[in-house]
């Protein structure tokens, strides 16, 4: 049976913006712009990626974890909680 995962299409607009920001950073580097201006733009890209990450995690909780809760199967719920905790420990 094929697993159906939730859609993360809501993150695509944000990812498109990030792609543009990365192109901007590349251009800044090519143009030999001031170091701290480049660093500031990289920080903005990093923050935007963090928002995408949190959006995907939120969807995971609302869909995958809630589905495990609804299943009434403690082992499925335990597995989803373990996945979530592992993901959260990796977030910096």
N, C-alpha and C. Protein backbone atom coordinates (compact mmCIF):
# COMPACT_ATOMS: atom_id res chain seq x y z
N UNK A 1 0.83 -1.18 0.00
CA UNK A 1 0.00 0.00 0.00
C UNK A 1 0.89 1.26 0.00
N UNK A 2 0.60 2.19 -0.86
CA UNK A 2 1.38 3.43 -1.00
C UNK A 2 0.99 4.42 0.07
N UNK A 3 2.00 4.97 0.76
CA UNK A 3 1.76 5.98 1.80
C UNK A 3 1.41 7.31 1.14
N UNK A 4 0.38 7.96 1.62
CA UNK A 4 0.00 9.28 1.13
C UNK A 4 0.53 10.32 2.12
N UNK A 5 1.39 11.17 1.64
CA UNK A 5 1.98 12.21 2.48
C UNK A 5 1.26 13.53 2.25
N UNK A 6 1.29 14.43 3.23
CA UNK A 6 0.62 15.72 3.07
C UNK A 6 1.34 16.60 2.06
N UNK A 7 0.63 17.56 1.54
CA UNK A 7 1.19 18.51 0.59
C UNK A 7 1.94 19.61 1.33
N UNK A 8 3.05 20.00 0.76
CA UNK A 8 3.81 21.12 1.30
C UNK A 8 3.86 22.25 0.26
N UNK A 9 2.86 22.26 -0.62
CA UNK A 9 2.85 23.26 -1.70
C UNK A 9 2.84 24.68 -1.17
N UNK A 10 2.32 24.87 0.03
CA UNK A 10 2.31 26.20 0.63
C UNK A 10 3.71 26.75 0.85
N UNK A 11 4.68 25.89 0.86
CA UNK A 11 6.07 26.32 1.06
C UNK A 11 6.75 26.70 -0.26
N UNK A 12 6.13 26.39 -1.38
CA UNK A 12 6.77 26.63 -2.67
C UNK A 12 7.02 28.12 -2.93
N UNK A 13 6.07 28.96 -2.57
CA UNK A 13 6.26 30.40 -2.78
C UNK A 13 7.45 30.90 -1.96
N UNK A 14 7.54 30.44 -0.74
CA UNK A 14 8.67 30.83 0.11
C UNK A 14 9.98 30.31 -0.48
N UNK A 15 9.98 29.09 -0.98
CA UNK A 15 11.19 28.53 -1.59
C UNK A 15 11.59 29.29 -2.85
N UNK A 16 10.61 29.74 -3.62
CA UNK A 16 10.92 30.55 -4.80
C UNK A 16 11.60 31.86 -4.39
N UNK A 17 11.11 32.46 -3.31
CA UNK A 17 11.72 33.69 -2.81
C UNK A 17 13.16 33.41 -2.35
N UNK A 18 13.36 32.29 -1.66
CA UNK A 18 14.69 31.92 -1.19
C UNK A 18 15.63 31.71 -2.38
N UNK A 19 15.12 31.09 -3.41
CA UNK A 19 15.92 30.87 -4.61
C UNK A 19 16.39 32.22 -5.17
N UNK A 20 15.52 33.20 -5.17
CA UNK A 20 15.88 34.54 -5.62
C UNK A 20 16.92 35.18 -4.71
N UNK A 21 16.76 34.97 -3.40
CA UNK A 21 17.73 35.51 -2.45
C UNK A 21 19.11 34.89 -2.67
N UNK A 22 19.14 33.60 -2.93
CA UNK A 22 20.42 32.92 -3.17
C UNK A 22 21.07 33.45 -4.44
N UNK A 23 20.28 33.69 -5.46
CA UNK A 23 20.82 34.30 -6.69
C UNK A 23 21.40 35.68 -6.38
N UNK A 24 20.72 36.41 -5.51
CA UNK A 24 21.22 37.72 -5.11
C UNK A 24 22.55 37.63 -4.38
N UNK A 25 22.69 36.64 -3.51
CA UNK A 25 23.95 36.44 -2.79
C UNK A 25 25.06 36.10 -3.78
N UNK A 26 24.73 35.24 -4.72
CA UNK A 26 25.72 34.87 -5.75
C UNK A 26 26.19 36.12 -6.51
N UNK A 27 25.24 36.96 -6.88
CA UNK A 27 25.57 38.19 -7.61
C UNK A 27 26.43 39.12 -6.75
N UNK A 28 26.10 39.21 -5.48
CA UNK A 28 26.89 40.04 -4.57
C UNK A 28 28.35 39.55 -4.53
N UNK A 29 28.52 38.25 -4.48
CA UNK A 29 29.86 37.68 -4.44
C UNK A 29 30.59 37.95 -5.76
N UNK A 30 29.88 37.75 -6.87
CA UNK A 30 30.48 38.02 -8.18
C UNK A 30 30.90 39.48 -8.32
N UNK A 31 30.14 40.38 -7.71
CA UNK A 31 30.41 41.81 -7.80
C UNK A 31 31.37 42.30 -6.71
N UNK A 32 31.89 41.37 -5.92
CA UNK A 32 32.85 41.70 -4.86
C UNK A 32 32.28 42.73 -3.88
N UNK A 33 31.03 42.50 -3.48
CA UNK A 33 30.36 43.41 -2.54
C UNK A 33 30.97 43.26 -1.14
N UNK A 34 30.63 44.19 -0.28
CA UNK A 34 31.15 44.22 1.08
C UNK A 34 30.78 42.94 1.83
N UNK A 35 31.76 42.38 2.53
CA UNK A 35 31.61 41.09 3.22
C UNK A 35 30.39 41.04 4.15
N UNK A 36 30.23 42.06 4.95
CA UNK A 36 29.17 42.04 5.95
C UNK A 36 27.79 42.16 5.30
N UNK A 37 27.70 42.79 4.13
CA UNK A 37 26.44 42.82 3.40
C UNK A 37 26.08 41.42 2.90
N UNK A 38 27.09 40.69 2.44
CA UNK A 38 26.88 39.31 1.99
C UNK A 38 26.45 38.44 3.16
N UNK A 39 27.13 38.59 4.28
CA UNK A 39 26.79 37.82 5.49
C UNK A 39 25.35 38.09 5.91
N UNK A 40 24.93 39.34 5.85
CA UNK A 40 23.56 39.70 6.22
C UNK A 40 22.55 39.02 5.31
N UNK A 41 22.84 38.95 4.02
CA UNK A 41 21.93 38.29 3.08
C UNK A 41 21.90 36.79 3.31
N UNK A 42 23.04 36.21 3.63
CA UNK A 42 23.08 34.77 3.94
C UNK A 42 22.26 34.48 5.19
N UNK A 43 22.33 35.36 6.17
CA UNK A 43 21.53 35.20 7.39
C UNK A 43 20.04 35.25 7.06
N UNK A 44 19.66 36.13 6.15
CA UNK A 44 18.25 36.23 5.73
C UNK A 44 17.80 34.94 5.05
N UNK A 45 18.66 34.37 4.21
CA UNK A 45 18.34 33.11 3.53
C UNK A 45 18.18 32.00 4.57
N UNK A 46 19.08 31.95 5.51
CA UNK A 46 19.03 30.93 6.56
C UNK A 46 17.73 31.03 7.36
N UNK A 47 17.35 32.25 7.70
CA UNK A 47 16.10 32.46 8.46
C UNK A 47 14.89 32.02 7.63
N UNK A 48 14.92 32.31 6.34
CA UNK A 48 13.81 31.92 5.46
C UNK A 48 13.72 30.40 5.35
N UNK A 49 14.86 29.73 5.26
CA UNK A 49 14.86 28.27 5.22
C UNK A 49 14.33 27.68 6.53
N UNK A 50 14.65 28.32 7.62
CA UNK A 50 14.15 27.88 8.93
C UNK A 50 12.62 27.95 8.95
N UNK A 51 12.05 29.00 8.34
CA UNK A 51 10.59 29.12 8.28
C UNK A 51 9.99 27.98 7.46
N UNK A 52 10.64 27.62 6.37
CA UNK A 52 10.16 26.49 5.57
C UNK A 52 10.22 25.21 6.40
N UNK A 53 11.33 25.02 7.08
CA UNK A 53 11.50 23.84 7.92
C UNK A 53 10.39 23.75 8.97
N UNK A 54 10.11 24.86 9.63
CA UNK A 54 9.08 24.85 10.66
C UNK A 54 7.69 24.62 10.05
N UNK A 55 7.46 25.14 8.86
CA UNK A 55 6.19 24.90 8.18
C UNK A 55 5.98 23.44 7.84
N UNK A 56 7.05 22.79 7.37
CA UNK A 56 6.97 21.36 7.05
C UNK A 56 6.73 20.56 8.34
N UNK A 57 7.44 20.93 9.41
CA UNK A 57 7.22 20.23 10.69
C UNK A 57 5.79 20.43 11.21
N UNK A 58 5.27 21.63 11.05
CA UNK A 58 3.89 21.89 11.48
C UNK A 58 2.91 21.01 10.72
N UNK A 59 3.11 20.91 9.41
CA UNK A 59 2.26 20.04 8.60
C UNK A 59 2.39 18.59 9.05
N UNK A 60 3.61 18.18 9.37
CA UNK A 60 3.84 16.81 9.85
C UNK A 60 3.04 16.55 11.12
N UNK A 61 3.04 17.50 12.03
CA UNK A 61 2.29 17.32 13.28
C UNK A 61 0.79 17.24 12.99
N UNK A 62 0.30 18.18 12.17
CA UNK A 62 -1.13 18.23 11.89
C UNK A 62 -1.62 17.04 11.07
N UNK A 63 -0.78 16.48 10.26
CA UNK A 63 -1.22 15.38 9.40
C UNK A 63 -0.71 14.03 9.92
N UNK A 64 0.58 13.84 9.89
CA UNK A 64 1.15 12.52 10.18
C UNK A 64 1.00 12.11 11.65
N UNK A 65 1.31 13.03 12.55
CA UNK A 65 1.20 12.70 13.97
C UNK A 65 -0.26 12.54 14.36
N UNK A 66 -1.11 13.44 13.89
CA UNK A 66 -2.54 13.32 14.21
C UNK A 66 -3.14 12.04 13.63
N UNK A 67 -2.67 11.65 12.46
CA UNK A 67 -3.13 10.38 11.86
C UNK A 67 -2.74 9.20 12.75
N UNK A 68 -1.53 9.25 13.31
CA UNK A 68 -1.08 8.19 14.20
C UNK A 68 -1.92 8.18 15.49
N UNK A 69 -2.28 9.36 15.98
CA UNK A 69 -3.14 9.44 17.17
C UNK A 69 -4.50 8.81 16.86
N UNK A 70 -5.05 9.15 15.70
CA UNK A 70 -6.37 8.65 15.31
C UNK A 70 -6.39 7.15 15.04
N UNK A 71 -5.23 6.61 14.70
CA UNK A 71 -5.16 5.18 14.37
C UNK A 71 -5.45 4.29 15.57
N UNK A 72 -5.22 4.83 16.77
CA UNK A 72 -5.43 4.03 17.97
C UNK A 72 -4.36 2.98 18.17
N UNK A 73 -3.28 3.08 17.40
CA UNK A 73 -2.18 2.11 17.50
C UNK A 73 -1.00 2.78 18.19
N UNK A 74 -0.77 2.41 19.45
CA UNK A 74 0.30 3.06 20.22
C UNK A 74 1.67 2.98 19.57
N UNK A 75 1.97 1.89 18.88
CA UNK A 75 3.29 1.77 18.24
C UNK A 75 3.46 2.78 17.12
N UNK A 76 2.40 3.06 16.36
CA UNK A 76 2.47 4.07 15.31
C UNK A 76 2.67 5.46 15.91
N UNK A 77 1.95 5.75 16.97
CA UNK A 77 2.09 7.04 17.64
C UNK A 77 3.49 7.19 18.22
N UNK A 78 3.99 6.15 18.87
CA UNK A 78 5.35 6.20 19.42
C UNK A 78 6.38 6.47 18.33
N UNK A 79 6.21 5.84 17.17
CA UNK A 79 7.14 6.03 16.06
C UNK A 79 7.12 7.48 15.57
N UNK A 80 5.93 8.06 15.46
CA UNK A 80 5.81 9.44 14.99
C UNK A 80 6.38 10.41 16.02
N UNK A 81 6.15 10.15 17.28
CA UNK A 81 6.71 11.01 18.33
C UNK A 81 8.23 10.93 18.30
N UNK A 82 8.77 9.74 18.13
CA UNK A 82 10.22 9.57 18.06
C UNK A 82 10.80 10.31 16.84
N UNK A 83 10.12 10.21 15.69
CA UNK A 83 10.55 10.96 14.50
C UNK A 83 10.58 12.45 14.78
N UNK A 84 9.53 12.93 15.39
CA UNK A 84 9.41 14.36 15.68
C UNK A 84 10.49 14.82 16.65
N UNK A 85 10.72 14.07 17.68
CA UNK A 85 11.75 14.43 18.65
C UNK A 85 13.14 14.42 18.02
N UNK A 86 13.40 13.46 17.17
CA UNK A 86 14.68 13.41 16.47
C UNK A 86 14.85 14.64 15.59
N UNK A 87 13.80 15.00 14.88
CA UNK A 87 13.86 16.19 14.02
C UNK A 87 14.09 17.45 14.85
N UNK A 88 13.40 17.57 15.96
CA UNK A 88 13.53 18.75 16.81
C UNK A 88 14.93 18.89 17.41
N UNK A 89 15.57 17.77 17.74
CA UNK A 89 16.92 17.84 18.30
C UNK A 89 17.94 18.27 17.25
N UNK A 90 17.61 18.12 15.97
CA UNK A 90 18.53 18.51 14.90
C UNK A 90 18.38 19.96 14.50
N UNK A 91 17.34 20.61 14.96
CA UNK A 91 17.10 22.02 14.60
C UNK A 91 18.04 22.89 15.43
N UNK A 92 18.73 23.76 14.73
CA UNK A 92 19.67 24.65 15.42
C UNK A 92 19.07 26.02 15.56
